[in-house]
Amino acid sequence: MRRRTLSPPPAEGEHHEIALCTCFDPYAVTLGTVATGCSVARHQESTGAYVDDTVITSRVKAKFAADKTVSANAISVETMKGVVQLSGFAKSPEEKSQAELLARSVNGVQDVRNDIIVKSS
């Protein structure tokens, strides 16, 4: 079952909220009940923008996982309208810089906010 709820188009300069709900639980279907789970994306201009941001986030994380100098588990990645925000902890200034460089190399990234904190030894 898939339910979409869209608010009216935003006025000039405003944003609207999109709620996308997807639920399929084979156990619930067997029992004749359905549980719902929702993922809400706030301040996105369109479903397409949300999907684009999700793709960018996935590609940045994939680059982190493939790079031996960046800890993909210690650095969080969030994307909003093509702007990637990095947060978490790095072991060195080089790791912090490499994470930003990798994020900037992903197609579709407009800008990178590097809020990674370097742990002092």
PDB file of N, CA and C in Angstrom:
ATOM      1  N   MET A   1       0.848  -1.161   0.000  1.00  0.00           N
ATOM      2  CA  MET A   1       0.000   0.000   0.000  1.00  0.00           C
ATOM      3  C   MET A   1       0.898   1.229   0.000  1.00  0.00           C
ATOM      4  N   ARG A   2       0.554   2.202  -0.802  1.00  0.00           N
ATOM      5  CA  ARG A   2       1.354   3.418  -0.882  1.00  0.00           C
ATOM      6  C   ARG A   2       0.384   4.599  -0.828  1.00  0.00           C
ATOM      7  N   ARG A   3       0.648   5.530   0.081  1.00  0.00           N
ATOM      8  CA  ARG A   3      -0.216   6.696   0.227  1.00  0.00           C
ATOM      9  C   ARG A   3       0.637   7.942   0.115  1.00  0.00           C
ATOM     10  N   ARG A   4       0.172   8.886  -0.672  1.00  0.00           N
ATOM     11  CA  ARG A   4       0.870  10.156  -0.793  1.00  0.00           C
ATOM     12  C   ARG A   4      -0.059  11.272  -0.363  1.00  0.00           C
ATOM     13  N   THR A   5       0.489  12.194   0.398  1.00  0.00           N
ATOM     14  CA  THR A   5      -0.264  13.363   0.804  1.00  0.00           C
ATOM     15  C   THR A   5       0.531  14.591   0.401  1.00  0.00           C
ATOM     16  N   LEU A   6      -0.039  15.398  -0.436  1.00  0.00           N
ATOM     17  CA  LEU A   6       0.631  16.613  -0.874  1.00  0.00           C
ATOM     18  C   LEU A   6      -0.210  17.815  -0.488  1.00  0.00           C
ATOM     19  N   SER A   7       0.422  18.827   0.025  1.00  0.00           N
ATOM     20  CA  SER A   7      -0.288  20.054   0.353  1.00  0.00           C
ATOM     21  C   SER A   7      -0.401  20.894  -0.908  1.00  0.00           C
ATOM     22  N   PRO A   8      -1.229  21.958  -0.888  1.00  0.00           N
ATOM     23  CA  PRO A   8      -1.375  22.807  -2.067  1.00  0.00           C
ATOM     24  C   PRO A   8      -0.025  23.406  -2.460  1.00  0.00           C
ATOM     25  N   PRO A   9       0.116  23.822  -3.737  1.00  0.00           N
ATOM     26  CA  PRO A   9       1.377  24.419  -4.172  1.00  0.00           C
ATOM     27  C   PRO A   9       1.734  25.620  -3.305  1.00  0.00           C
ATOM     28  N   PRO A  10       3.032  25.790  -2.999  1.00  0.00           N
ATOM     29  CA  PRO A  10       3.439  26.895  -2.141  1.00  0.00           C
ATOM     30  C   PRO A  10       3.365  28.227  -2.875  1.00  0.00           C
ATOM     31  N   ALA A  11       3.180  29.292  -2.097  1.00  0.00           N
ATOM     32  CA  ALA A  11       3.226  30.632  -2.668  1.00  0.00           C
ATOM     33  C   ALA A  11       4.671  30.952  -3.017  1.00  0.00           C
ATOM     34  N   GLU A  12       4.880  31.973  -3.797  1.00  0.00           N
ATOM     35  CA  GLU A  12       6.230  32.381  -4.205  1.00  0.00           C
ATOM     36  C   GLU A  12       7.135  32.521  -2.988  1.00  0.00           C
ATOM     37  N   GLY A  13       8.283  31.849  -3.004  1.00  0.00           N
ATOM     38  CA  GLY A  13       9.256  31.948  -1.919  1.00  0.00           C
ATOM     39  C   GLY A  13       8.972  31.044  -0.727  1.00  0.00           C
ATOM     40  N   GLU A  14       7.883  30.302  -0.747  1.00  0.00           N
ATOM     41  CA  GLU A  14       7.544  29.403   0.352  1.00  0.00           C
ATOM     42  C   GLU A  14       7.791  27.965  -0.052  1.00  0.00           C
ATOM     43  N   HIS A  15       7.829  27.093   0.923  1.00  0.00           N
ATOM     44  CA  HIS A  15       8.017  25.665   0.690  1.00  0.00           C
ATOM     45  C   HIS A  15       6.807  24.930   1.245  1.00  0.00           C
ATOM     46  N   HIS A  16       6.594  23.715   0.768  1.00  0.00           N
ATOM     47  CA  HIS A  16       5.533  22.897   1.336  1.00  0.00           C
ATOM     48  C   HIS A  16       6.112  21.567   1.774  1.00  0.00           C
ATOM     49  N   GLU A  17       5.326  20.845   2.525  1.00  0.00           N
ATOM     50  CA  GLU A  17       5.753  19.578   3.097  1.00  0.00           C
ATOM     51  C   GLU A  17       5.158  18.439   2.299  1.00  0.00           C
ATOM     52  N   ILE A  18       5.958  17.405   2.110  1.00  0.00           N
ATOM     53  CA  ILE A  18       5.494  16.217   1.418  1.00  0.00           C
ATOM     54  C   ILE A  18       5.596  15.054   2.401  1.00  0.00           C
ATOM     55  N   ALA A  19       4.526  14.318   2.530  1.00  0.00           N
ATOM     56  CA  ALA A  19       4.557  13.127   3.384  1.00  0.00           C
ATOM     57  C   ALA A  19       4.424  11.921   2.473  1.00  0.00           C
ATOM     58  N   LEU A  20       5.397  11.057   2.490  1.00  0.00           N
ATOM     59  CA  LEU A  20       5.353   9.843   1.705  1.00  0.00           C
ATOM     60  C   LEU A  20       5.256   8.673   2.660  1.00  0.00           C
ATOM     61  N   CYS A  21       4.255   7.852   2.492  1.00  0.00           N
ATOM     62  CA  CYS A  21       4.062   6.709   3.371  1.00  0.00           C
ATOM     63  C   CYS A  21       4.086   5.441   2.540  1.00  0.00           C
ATOM     64  N   THR A  22       4.852   4.498   2.976  1.00  0.00           N
ATOM     65  CA  THR A  22       4.911   3.218   2.300  1.00  0.00           C
ATOM     66  C   THR A  22       4.881   2.136   3.368  1.00  0.00           C
ATOM     67  N   CYS A  23       4.024   1.176   3.180  1.00  0.00           N
ATOM     68  CA  CYS A  23       3.949   0.101   4.162  1.00  0.00           C
ATOM     69  C   CYS A  23       3.583  -1.196   3.463  1.00  0.00           C
ATOM     70  N   PHE A  24       4.310  -2.236   3.723  1.00  0.00           N
ATOM     71  CA  PHE A  24       3.936  -3.574   3.304  1.00  0.00           C
ATOM     72  C   PHE A  24       4.543  -4.534   4.301  1.00  0.00           C
ATOM     73  N   ASP A  25       3.724  -5.166   5.037  1.00  0.00           N
ATOM     74  CA  ASP A  25       4.175  -6.130   6.037  1.00  0.00           C
ATOM     75  C   ASP A  25       3.449  -7.438   5.763  1.00  0.00           C
ATOM     76  N   PRO A  26       4.157  -8.453   5.261  1.00  0.00           N
ATOM     77  CA  PRO A  26       3.489  -9.706   4.927  1.00  0.00           C
ATOM     78  C   PRO A  26       2.788 -10.342   6.125  1.00  0.00           C
ATOM     79  N   TYR A  27       3.337 -10.157   7.333  1.00  0.00           N
ATOM     80  CA  TYR A  27       2.682 -10.708   8.525  1.00  0.00           C
ATOM     81  C   TYR A  27       1.378  -9.986   8.807  1.00  0.00           C
ATOM     82  N   ALA A  28       1.371  -8.683   8.615  1.00  0.00           N
ATOM     83  CA  ALA A  28       0.144  -7.912   8.843  1.00  0.00           C
ATOM     84  C   ALA A  28      -0.929  -8.309   7.837  1.00  0.00           C
ATOM     85  N   VAL A  29      -0.518  -8.554   6.593  1.00  0.00           N
ATOM     86  CA  VAL A  29      -1.480  -8.966   5.573  1.00  0.00           C
ATOM     87  C   VAL A  29      -2.052 -10.329   5.929  1.00  0.00           C
ATOM     88  N   THR A  30      -1.210 -11.237   6.389  1.00  0.00           N
ATOM     89  CA  THR A  30      -1.656 -12.567   6.777  1.00  0.00           C
ATOM     90  C   THR A  30      -2.671 -12.486   7.916  1.00  0.00           C
ATOM     91  N   LEU A  31      -2.412 -11.590   8.859  1.00  0.00           N
ATOM     92  CA  LEU A  31      -3.307 -11.443  10.003  1.00  0.00           C
ATOM     93  C   LEU A  31      -4.511 -10.564   9.698  1.00  0.00           C
ATOM     94  N   GLY A  32      -4.501  -9.935   8.519  1.00  0.00           N
ATOM     95  CA  GLY A  32      -5.628  -9.085   8.151  1.00  0.00           C
ATOM     96  C   GLY A  32      -5.526  -7.685   8.736  1.00  0.00           C
ATOM     97  N   THR A  33      -4.356  -7.312   9.215  1.00  0.00           N
ATOM     98  CA  THR A  33      -4.171  -5.967   9.746  1.00  0.00           C
ATOM     99  C   THR A  33      -3.084  -5.264   8.945  1.00  0.00           C
ATOM    100  N   VAL A  34      -3.126  -3.965   8.983  1.00  0.00           N
ATOM    101  CA  VAL A  34      -2.116  -3.190   8.279  1.00  0.00           C
ATOM    102  C   VAL A  34      -1.583  -2.129   9.211  1.00  0.00           C
ATOM    103  N   ALA A  35      -0.282  -2.075   9.346  1.00  0.00           N
ATOM    104  CA  ALA A  35       0.370  -1.021  10.121  1.00  0.00           C
ATOM    105  C   ALA A  35       0.918  -0.001   9.140  1.00  0.00           C
ATOM    106  N   THR A  36       0.961   1.242   9.552  1.00  0.00           N
ATOM    107  CA  THR A  36       1.493   2.261   8.664  1.00  0.00           C
ATOM    108  C   THR A  36       2.762   2.836   9.244  1.00  0.00           C
ATOM    109  N   GLY A  37       3.656   3.188   8.351  1.00  0.00           N
ATOM    110  CA  GLY A  37       4.895   3.856   8.732  1.00  0.00           C
ATOM    111  C   GLY A  37       5.115   4.982   7.752  1.00  0.00           C
ATOM    112  N   CYS A  38       5.465   6.142   8.241  1.00  0.00           N
ATOM    113  CA  CYS A  38       5.620   7.289   7.360  1.00  0.00           C
ATOM    114  C   CYS A  38       7.016   7.871   7.450  1.00  0.00           C
ATOM    115  N   SER A  39       7.459   8.358   6.338  1.00  0.00           N
ATOM    116  CA  SER A  39       8.702   9.110   6.281  1.00  0.00           C
ATOM    117  C   SER A  39       8.333  10.489   5.771  1.00  0.00           C
ATOM    118  N   VAL A  40       8.577  11.508   6.550  1.00  0.00           N
ATOM    119  CA  VAL A  40       8.196  12.855   6.166  1.00  0.00           C
ATOM    120  C   VAL A  40       9.436  13.649   5.808  1.00  0.00           C
ATOM    121  N   ALA A  41       9.404  14.255   4.666  1.00  0.00           N
ATOM    122  CA  ALA A  41      10.508  15.113   4.231  1.00  0.00           C
ATOM    123  C   ALA A  41      10.013  16.550   4.292  1.00  0.00           C
ATOM    124  N   ARG A  42      10.575  17.334   5.176  1.00  0.00           N
ATOM    125  CA  ARG A  42      10.134  18.714   5.343  1.00  0.00           C
ATOM    126  C   ARG A  42      10.934  19.656   4.457  1.00  0.00           C
ATOM    127  N   HIS A  43      10.277  20.692   4.018  1.00  0.00           N
ATOM    128  CA  HIS A  43      10.879  21.794   3.277  1.00  0.00           C
ATOM    129  C   HIS A  43      11.474  21.382   1.945  1.00  0.00           C
ATOM    130  N   GLN A  44      11.007  20.311   1.364  1.00  0.00           N
ATOM    131  CA  GLN A  44      11.435  19.931   0.029  1.00  0.00           C
ATOM    132  C   GLN A  44      10.482  20.582  -0.963  1.00  0.00           C
ATOM    133  N   GLU A  45      10.997  21.012  -2.086  1.00  0.00           N
ATOM    134  CA  GLU A  45      10.146  21.664  -3.071  1.00  0.00           C
ATOM    135  C   GLU A  45       9.315  20.667  -3.857  1.00  0.00           C
ATOM    136  N   SER A  46       9.840  19.475  -4.089  1.00  0.00           N
ATOM    137  CA  SER A  46       9.106  18.491  -4.862  1.00  0.00           C
ATOM    138  C   SER A  46       9.595  17.095  -4.499  1.00  0.00           C
ATOM    139  N   THR A  47       8.824  16.116  -4.917  1.00  0.00           N
ATOM    140  CA  THR A  47       9.230  14.734  -4.707  1.00  0.00           C
ATOM    141  C   THR A  47      10.524  14.462  -5.468  1.00  0.00           C
ATOM    142  N   GLY A  48      10.656  15.065  -6.656  1.00  0.00           N
ATOM    143  CA  GLY A  48      11.878  14.909  -7.446  1.00  0.00           C
ATOM    144  C   GLY A  48      13.094  15.419  -6.707  1.00  0.00           C
ATOM    145  N   ALA A  49      12.968  16.558  -6.015  1.00  0.00           N
ATOM    146  CA  ALA A  49      14.083  17.113  -5.254  1.00  0.00           C
ATOM    147  C   ALA A  49      14.458  16.168  -4.121  1.00  0.00           C
ATOM    148  N   TYR A  50      13.464  15.576  -3.473  1.00  0.00           N
ATOM    149  CA  TYR A  50      13.722  14.626  -2.393  1.00  0.00           C
ATOM    150  C   TYR A  50      14.477  13.414  -2.921  1.00  0.00           C
ATOM    151  N   VAL A  51      14.053  12.889  -4.060  1.00  0.00           N
ATOM    152  CA  VAL A  51      14.708  11.737  -4.661  1.00  0.00           C
ATOM    153  C   VAL A  51      16.133  12.090  -5.057  1.00  0.00           C
ATOM    154  N   ASP A  52      16.341  13.255  -5.679  1.00  0.00           N
ATOM    155  CA  ASP A  52      17.684  13.696  -6.061  1.00  0.00           C
ATOM    156  C   ASP A  52      18.596  13.776  -4.842  1.00  0.00           C
ATOM    157  N   ASP A  53      18.100  14.352  -3.753  1.00  0.00           N
ATOM    158  CA  ASP A  53      18.885  14.466  -2.530  1.00  0.00           C
ATOM    159  C   ASP A  53      19.234  13.096  -1.964  1.00  0.00           C
ATOM    160  N   THR A  54      18.308  12.175  -2.029  1.00  0.00           N
ATOM    161  CA  THR A  54      18.547  10.815  -1.543  1.00  0.00           C
ATOM    162  C   THR A  54      19.632  10.126  -2.370  1.00  0.00           C
ATOM    163  N   VAL A  55      19.606  10.334  -3.670  1.00  0.00           N
ATOM    164  CA  VAL A  55      20.624   9.751  -4.555  1.00  0.00           C
ATOM    165  C   VAL A  55      21.991  10.348  -4.236  1.00  0.00           C
ATOM    166  N   ILE A  56      22.049  11.664  -4.060  1.00  0.00           N
ATOM    167  CA  ILE A  56      23.315  12.322  -3.723  1.00  0.00           C
ATOM    168  C   ILE A  56      23.868  11.766  -2.419  1.00  0.00           C
ATOM    169  N   THR A  57      23.022  11.672  -1.394  1.00  0.00           N
ATOM    170  CA  THR A  57      23.459  11.142  -0.098  1.00  0.00           C
ATOM    171  C   THR A  57      24.015   9.729  -0.256  1.00  0.00           C
ATOM    172  N   SER A  58      23.339   8.897  -0.999  1.00  0.00           N
ATOM    173  CA  SER A  58      23.780   7.512  -1.210  1.00  0.00           C
ATOM    174  C   SER A  58      25.128   7.463  -1.929  1.00  0.00           C
ATOM    175  N   ARG A  59      25.301   8.317  -2.920  1.00  0.00           N
ATOM    176  CA  ARG A  59      26.564   8.327  -3.668  1.00  0.00           C
ATOM    177  C   ARG A  59      27.724   8.822  -2.808  1.00  0.00           C
ATOM    178  N   VAL A  60      27.476   9.828  -1.974  1.00  0.00           N
ATOM    179  CA  VAL A  60      28.528  10.315  -1.077  1.00  0.00           C
ATOM    180  C   VAL A  60      28.923   9.207  -0.107  1.00  0.00           C
ATOM    181  N   LYS A  61      27.936   8.544   0.488  1.00  0.00           N
ATOM    182  CA  LYS A  61      28.222   7.461   1.427  1.00  0.00           C
ATOM    183  C   LYS A  61      28.985   6.324   0.755  1.00  0.00           C
ATOM    184  N   ALA A  62      28.646   6.028  -0.495  1.00  0.00           N
ATOM    185  CA  ALA A  62      29.345   4.978  -1.240  1.00  0.00           C
ATOM    186  C   ALA A  62      30.810   5.363  -1.461  1.00  0.00           C
ATOM    187  N   LYS A  63      31.055   6.628  -1.764  1.00  0.00           N
ATOM    188  CA  LYS A  63      32.442   7.081  -1.937  1.00  0.00           C
ATOM    189  C   LYS A  63      33.215   6.979  -0.629  1.00  0.00           C
ATOM    190  N   PHE A  64      32.560   7.309   0.479  1.00  0.00           N
ATOM    191  CA  PHE A  64      33.206   7.181   1.790  1.00  0.00           C
ATOM    192  C   PHE A  64      33.572   5.720   2.056  1.00  0.00           C
ATOM    193  N   ALA A  65      32.646   4.820   1.765  1.00  0.00           N
ATOM    194  CA  ALA A  65      32.869   3.395   2.028  1.00  0.00           C
ATOM    195  C   ALA A  65      34.014   2.842   1.179  1.00  0.00           C
ATOM    196  N   ALA A  66      34.189   3.376  -0.028  1.00  0.00           N
ATOM    197  CA  ALA A  66      35.234   2.896  -0.928  1.00  0.00           C
ATOM    198  C   ALA A  66      36.603   3.497  -0.618  1.00  0.00           C
ATOM    199  N   ASP A  67      36.621   4.596   0.133  1.00  0.00           N
ATOM    200  CA  ASP A  67      37.880   5.284   0.440  1.00  0.00           C
ATOM    201  C   ASP A  67      38.427   4.792   1.770  1.00  0.00           C
ATOM    202  N   LYS A  68      39.685   4.393   1.787  1.00  0.00           N
ATOM    203  CA  LYS A  68      40.291   3.830   3.004  1.00  0.00           C
ATOM    204  C   LYS A  68      40.636   4.897   4.047  1.00  0.00           C
ATOM    205  N   THR A  69      40.683   6.176   3.652  1.00  0.00           N
ATOM    206  CA  THR A  69      41.059   7.218   4.617  1.00  0.00           C
ATOM    207  C   THR A  69      39.862   7.822   5.347  1.00  0.00           C
ATOM    208  N   VAL A  70      38.657   7.548   4.853  1.00  0.00           N
ATOM    209  CA  VAL A  70      37.456   8.140   5.457  1.00  0.00           C
ATOM    210  C   VAL A  70      36.634   7.052   6.139  1.00  0.00           C
ATOM    211  N   SER A  71      36.258   7.303   7.383  1.00  0.00           N
ATOM    212  CA  SER A  71      35.427   6.355   8.120  1.00  0.00           C
ATOM    213  C   SER A  71      33.954   6.632   7.805  1.00  0.00           C
ATOM    214  N   ALA A  72      33.371   5.771   6.995  1.00  0.00           N
ATOM    215  CA  ALA A  72      31.973   5.951   6.610  1.00  0.00           C
ATOM    216  C   ALA A  72      31.037   5.835   7.806  1.00  0.00           C
ATOM    217  N   ASN A  73      31.458   5.120   8.833  1.00  0.00           N
ATOM    218  CA  ASN A  73      30.612   4.941  10.019  1.00  0.00           C
ATOM    219  C   ASN A  73      30.656   6.137  10.962  1.00  0.00           C
ATOM    220  N   ALA A  74      31.724   6.902  10.935  1.00  0.00           N
ATOM    221  CA  ALA A  74      31.883   8.007  11.884  1.00  0.00           C
ATOM    222  C   ALA A  74      31.392   9.344  11.335  1.00  0.00           C
ATOM    223  N   ILE A  75      31.084   9.396  10.031  1.00  0.00           N
ATOM    224  CA  ILE A  75      30.671  10.658   9.407  1.00  0.00           C
ATOM    225  C   ILE A  75      29.264  10.503   8.854  1.00  0.00           C
ATOM    226  N   SER A  76      28.383  11.414   9.253  1.00  0.00           N
ATOM    227  CA  SER A  76      26.997  11.419   8.775  1.00  0.00           C
ATOM    228  C   SER A  76      26.878  12.329   7.562  1.00  0.00           C
ATOM    229  N   VAL A  77      25.980  11.959   6.667  1.00  0.00           N
ATOM    230  CA  VAL A  77      25.754  12.728   5.446  1.00  0.00           C
ATOM    231  C   VAL A  77      24.265  13.026   5.335  1.00  0.00           C
ATOM    232  N   GLU A  78      23.928  14.289   5.152  1.00  0.00           N
ATOM    233  CA  GLU A  78      22.552  14.701   4.886  1.00  0.00           C
ATOM    234  C   GLU A  78      22.573  15.657   3.714  1.00  0.00           C
ATOM    235  N   THR A  79      21.551  15.601   2.876  1.00  0.00           N
ATOM    236  CA  THR A  79      21.492  16.462   1.696  1.00  0.00           C
ATOM    237  C   THR A  79      20.145  17.160   1.636  1.00  0.00           C
ATOM    238  N   MET A  80      20.176  18.450   1.373  1.00  0.00           N
ATOM    239  CA  MET A  80      18.953  19.245   1.210  1.00  0.00           C
ATOM    240  C   MET A  80      19.168  20.187   0.034  1.00  0.00           C
ATOM    241  N   LYS A  81      18.379  19.976  -1.023  1.00  0.00           N
ATOM    242  CA  LYS A  81      18.445  20.807  -2.230  1.00  0.00           C
ATOM    243  C   LYS A  81      19.853  20.860  -2.812  1.00  0.00           C
ATOM    244  N   GLY A  82      20.527  19.729  -2.823  1.00  0.00           N
ATOM    245  CA  GLY A  82      21.850  19.631  -3.405  1.00  0.00           C
ATOM    246  C   GLY A  82      22.986  20.065  -2.499  1.00  0.00           C
ATOM    247  N   VAL A  83      22.667  20.577  -1.316  1.00  0.00           N
ATOM    248  CA  VAL A  83      23.703  20.984  -0.359  1.00  0.00           C
ATOM    249  C   VAL A  83      23.932  19.830   0.610  1.00  0.00           C
ATOM    250  N   VAL A  84      25.156  19.337   0.626  1.00  0.00           N
ATOM    251  CA  VAL A  84      25.518  18.200   1.471  1.00  0.00           C
ATOM    252  C   VAL A  84      26.078  18.715   2.783  1.00  0.00           C
ATOM    253  N   GLN A  85      25.559  18.186   3.880  1.00  0.00           N
ATOM    254  CA  GLN A  85      26.086  18.528   5.197  1.00  0.00           C
ATOM    255  C   GLN A  85      26.767  17.298   5.773  1.00  0.00           C
ATOM    256  N   LEU A  86      28.034  17.474   6.127  1.00  0.00           N
ATOM    257  CA  LEU A  86      28.816  16.411   6.741  1.00  0.00           C
ATOM    258  C   LEU A  86      28.950  16.711   8.222  1.00  0.00           C
ATOM    259  N   SER A  87      28.756  15.698   9.052  1.00  0.00           N
ATOM    260  CA  SER A  87      28.927  15.868  10.495  1.00  0.00           C
ATOM    261  C   SER A  87      29.473  14.579  11.080  1.00  0.00           C
ATOM    262  N   GLY A  88      29.985  14.689  12.268  1.00  0.00           N
ATOM    263  CA  GLY A  88      30.567  13.526  12.926  1.00  0.00           C
ATOM    264  C   GLY A  88      31.996  13.818  13.322  1.00  0.00           C
ATOM    265  N   PHE A  89      32.794  12.755  13.421  1.00  0.00           N
ATOM    266  CA  PHE A  89      34.157  12.898  13.921  1.00  0.00           C
ATOM    267  C   PHE A  89      35.162  12.280  12.957  1.00  0.00           C
ATOM    268  N   ALA A  90      36.268  12.993  12.776  1.00  0.00           N
ATOM    269  CA  ALA A  90      37.378  12.502  11.958  1.00  0.00           C
ATOM    270  C   ALA A  90      38.591  12.309  12.855  1.00  0.00           C
ATOM    271  N   LYS A  91      39.465  11.386  12.460  1.00  0.00           N
ATOM    272  CA  LYS A  91      40.680  11.127  13.232  1.00  0.00           C
ATOM    273  C   LYS A  91      41.772  12.150  12.952  1.00  0.00           C
ATOM    274  N   SER A  92      41.652  12.843  11.796  1.00  0.00           N
ATOM    275  CA  SER A  92      42.700  13.791  11.414  1.00  0.00           C
ATOM    276  C   SER A  92      42.121  14.871  10.509  1.00  0.00           C
ATOM    277  N   PRO A  93      42.825  16.002  10.386  1.00  0.00           N
ATOM    278  CA  PRO A  93      42.394  17.038   9.443  1.00  0.00           C
ATOM    279  C   PRO A  93      42.372  16.519   8.007  1.00  0.00           C
ATOM    280  N   GLU A  94      43.256  15.570   7.685  1.00  0.00           N
ATOM    281  CA  GLU A  94      43.293  14.992   6.334  1.00  0.00           C
ATOM    282  C   GLU A  94      42.010  14.206   6.042  1.00  0.00           C
ATOM    283  N   GLU A  95      41.520  13.474   7.039  1.00  0.00           N
ATOM    284  CA  GLU A  95      40.269  12.726   6.850  1.00  0.00           C
ATOM    285  C   GLU A  95      39.110  13.686   6.626  1.00  0.00           C
ATOM    286  N   LYS A  96      39.073  14.761   7.397  1.00  0.00           N
ATOM    287  CA  LYS A  96      38.022  15.764   7.245  1.00  0.00           C
ATOM    288  C   LYS A  96      38.062  16.368   5.839  1.00  0.00           C
ATOM    289  N   SER A  97      39.245  16.730   5.384  1.00  0.00           N
ATOM    290  CA  SER A  97      39.395  17.317   4.048  1.00  0.00           C
ATOM    291  C   SER A  97      39.030  16.327   2.945  1.00  0.00           C
ATOM    292  N   GLN A  98      39.445  15.063   3.106  1.00  0.00           N
ATOM    293  CA  GLN A  98      39.145  14.035   2.107  1.00  0.00           C
ATOM    294  C   GLN A  98      37.639  13.786   2.018  1.00  0.00           C
ATOM    295  N   ALA A  99      36.952  13.792   3.148  1.00  0.00           N
ATOM    296  CA  ALA A  99      35.500  13.603   3.144  1.00  0.00           C
ATOM    297  C   ALA A  99      34.824  14.720   2.344  1.00  0.00           C
ATOM    298  N   GLU A 100      35.260  15.948   2.559  1.00  0.00           N
ATOM    299  CA  GLU A 100      34.684  17.073   1.811  1.00  0.00           C
ATOM    300  C   GLU A 100      34.997  16.955   0.324  1.00  0.00           C
ATOM    301  N   LEU A 101      36.229  16.599  -0.014  1.00  0.00           N
ATOM    302  CA  LEU A 101      36.629  16.443  -1.410  1.00  0.00           C
ATOM    303  C   LEU A 101      35.785  15.375  -2.101  1.00  0.00           C
ATOM    304  N   LEU A 102      35.583  14.245  -1.422  1.00  0.00           N
ATOM    305  CA  LEU A 102      34.758  13.177  -1.990  1.00  0.00           C
ATOM    306  C   LEU A 102      33.317  13.631  -2.194  1.00  0.00           C
ATOM    307  N   ALA A 103      32.763  14.345  -1.211  1.00  0.00           N
ATOM    308  CA  ALA A 103      31.383  14.830  -1.333  1.00  0.00           C
ATOM    309  C   ALA A 103      31.249  15.796  -2.505  1.00  0.00           C
ATOM    310  N   ARG A 104      32.204  16.698  -2.659  1.00  0.00           N
ATOM    311  CA  ARG A 104      32.159  17.676  -3.753  1.00  0.00           C
ATOM    312  C   ARG A 104      32.282  17.010  -5.125  1.00  0.00           C
ATOM    313  N   SER A 105      32.877  15.826  -5.178  1.00  0.00           N
ATOM    314  CA  SER A 105      33.077  15.140  -6.464  1.00  0.00           C
ATOM    315  C   SER A 105      31.820  14.443  -6.977  1.00  0.00           C
ATOM    316  N   VAL A 106      30.783  14.369  -6.163  1.00  0.00           N
ATOM    317  CA  VAL A 106      29.549  13.680  -6.560  1.00  0.00           C
ATOM    318  C   VAL A 106      28.711  14.600  -7.453  1.00  0.00           C
ATOM    319  N   ASN A 107      28.248  14.044  -8.547  1.00  0.00           N
ATOM    320  CA  ASN A 107      27.420  14.797  -9.488  1.00  0.00           C
ATOM    321  C   ASN A 107      26.129  15.261  -8.812  1.00  0.00           C
ATOM    322  N   GLY A 108      25.790  16.522  -8.979  1.00  0.00           N
ATOM    323  CA  GLY A 108      24.562  17.074  -8.413  1.00  0.00           C
ATOM    324  C   GLY A 108      24.775  17.850  -7.126  1.00  0.00           C
ATOM    325  N   VAL A 109      25.959  17.755  -6.538  1.00  0.00           N
ATOM    326  CA  VAL A 109      26.242  18.480  -5.294  1.00  0.00           C
ATOM    327  C   VAL A 109      26.450  19.954  -5.619  1.00  0.00           C
ATOM    328  N   GLN A 110      25.650  20.804  -4.986  1.00  0.00           N
ATOM    329  CA  GLN A 110      25.756  22.253  -5.190  1.00  0.00           C
ATOM    330  C   GLN A 110      26.791  22.874  -4.261  1.00  0.00           C
ATOM    331  N   ASP A 111      26.840  22.388  -3.023  1.00  0.00           N
ATOM    332  CA  ASP A 111      27.750  22.912  -2.021  1.00  0.00           C
ATOM    333  C   ASP A 111      27.922  21.861  -0.929  1.00  0.00           C
ATOM    334  N   VAL A 112      28.959  22.037  -0.115  1.00  0.00           N
ATOM    335  CA  VAL A 112      29.205  21.124   1.004  1.00  0.00           C
ATOM    336  C   VAL A 112      29.421  21.940   2.263  1.00  0.00           C
ATOM    337  N   ARG A 113      28.671  21.617   3.314  1.00  0.00           N
ATOM    338  CA  ARG A 113      28.892  22.189   4.652  1.00  0.00           C
ATOM    339  C   ARG A 113      29.629  21.137   5.458  1.00  0.00           C
ATOM    340  N   ASN A 114      30.877  21.419   5.761  1.00  0.00           N
ATOM    341  CA  ASN A 114      31.710  20.451   6.460  1.00  0.00           C
ATOM    342  C   ASN A 114      31.737  20.779   7.939  1.00  0.00           C
ATOM    343  N   ASP A 115      30.876  20.127   8.703  1.00  0.00           N
ATOM    344  CA  ASP A 115      30.798  20.324  10.161  1.00  0.00           C
ATOM    345  C   ASP A 115      31.464  19.182  10.917  1.00  0.00           C
ATOM    346  N   ILE A 116      32.365  18.483  10.262  1.00  0.00           N
ATOM    347  CA  ILE A 116      33.089  17.373  10.895  1.00  0.00           C
ATOM    348  C   ILE A 116      34.043  17.942  11.939  1.00  0.00           C
ATOM    349  N   ILE A 117      34.083  17.294  13.086  1.00  0.00           N
ATOM    350  CA  ILE A 117      34.982  17.688  14.168  1.00  0.00           C
ATOM    351  C   ILE A 117      36.163  16.732  14.190  1.00  0.00           C
ATOM    352  N   VAL A 118      37.377  17.283  14.213  1.00  0.00           N
ATOM    353  CA  VAL A 118      38.582  16.458  14.283  1.00  0.00           C
ATOM    354  C   VAL A 118      38.860  16.140  15.746  1.00  0.00           C
ATOM    355  N   LYS A 119      38.941  14.860  16.054  1.00  0.00           N
ATOM    356  CA  LYS A 119      39.247  14.424  17.414  1.00  0.00           C
ATOM    357  C   LYS A 119      40.707  14.751  17.715  1.00  0.00           C
ATOM    358  N   SER A 120      40.933  15.327  18.873  1.00  0.00           N
ATOM    359  CA  SER A 120      42.313  15.598  19.269  1.00  0.00           C
ATOM    360  C   SER A 120      42.902  14.376  19.940  1.00  0.00           C
ATOM    361  N   SER A 121      44.138  14.114  19.653  1.00  0.00           N
ATOM    362  CA  SER A 121      44.788  12.914  20.186  1.00  0.00           C
ATOM    363  C   SER A 121      45.307  13.140  21.567  1.00  0.00           C
TER     364      SER A 121
END
